[in-house]
Amino acid sequence: MSSRSGRVPSRPRRAAEGRLIARPRRRAGPAPTGLQPLGLADGRDGLLYVPASYRTDAPAPLVLALHGAGGNGEQGLAPLRGPADRHGLILLAPESRGQTWDVILGPGYGPDVTFVDRALDLAFRRYAVDPGRVAVSGFSDGASYALSLGITNGDLFTHVLAFSPGFMAPAAQRGRPRVFVAHGTRDGVLPVEVCSRRIVPQLERAGYAVRYVEFPGPHVVPPAIAAEAAAWLAG
């Protein structure tokens, strides 16, 4: 989106608008597999997990995996780590600049969008990523941020996976990513009645295709639910 002057908005302005610039590239050379740090920041950084099955001649799905409040990259990876090997998913788990994500802390988007964009650019430069399978996923606060970023950047993300989200605050609506939402019926942290049961109808009214799963459990991501979400993404 261009500014009224015809110039492309600066990176800080795009970050304030929740917009991500990084995009998958056509080619990628040899790169390591397994678990590795991002190496983008001292202190709070993040992790990248590339399954052993990765091949440079077969672009892989990529999932931007966002942790919950007070979490880290390891917690961001945790729900999808097992399914990643089964379905050949690259997992990218940057860490928020604060205790949780910027739009949740308020007053809006900013430093986390910038850091996520840098992390995505790193992954896209190193690895062959299928542009038809670029997803954003998260649990709890990470799920709220995944919905918000995913809708704002639906021209990048083809899929959104939200495990127990609390709300969504997109800055704009672009594209039509497919959405998977799961929530426990005994969630005492973000009760399903006031969270996903309100969010899902809003998404459907806005024209999104939503797969919604409720499970009899608390504020967690059961392995079976993570496996179902990964199969939905890979299918």
Foldseek 3Di string as FASTA:
>chain_A
DPDPVRHRDDPQVCQQQLHADAAADDFADDDDAAKDWLPPDPDFGAIKHFAPPADRVDAAAEEEFEEAFQDHRVRSCPLCVVVCNVQRYIYTYGYDPDRAHEVVVDPGGGDRSVNVNVSSNVDSHHGRHDQQRYEYEYAESSLQVRQQSCQQPVVRHQEYEHELYQHHDHSHGDHAHAYEYEYECAEPPRHCVRGVVVHVVVSVVVPHHYHYYYDHDYRDQDNVNSNVVSVVSSD
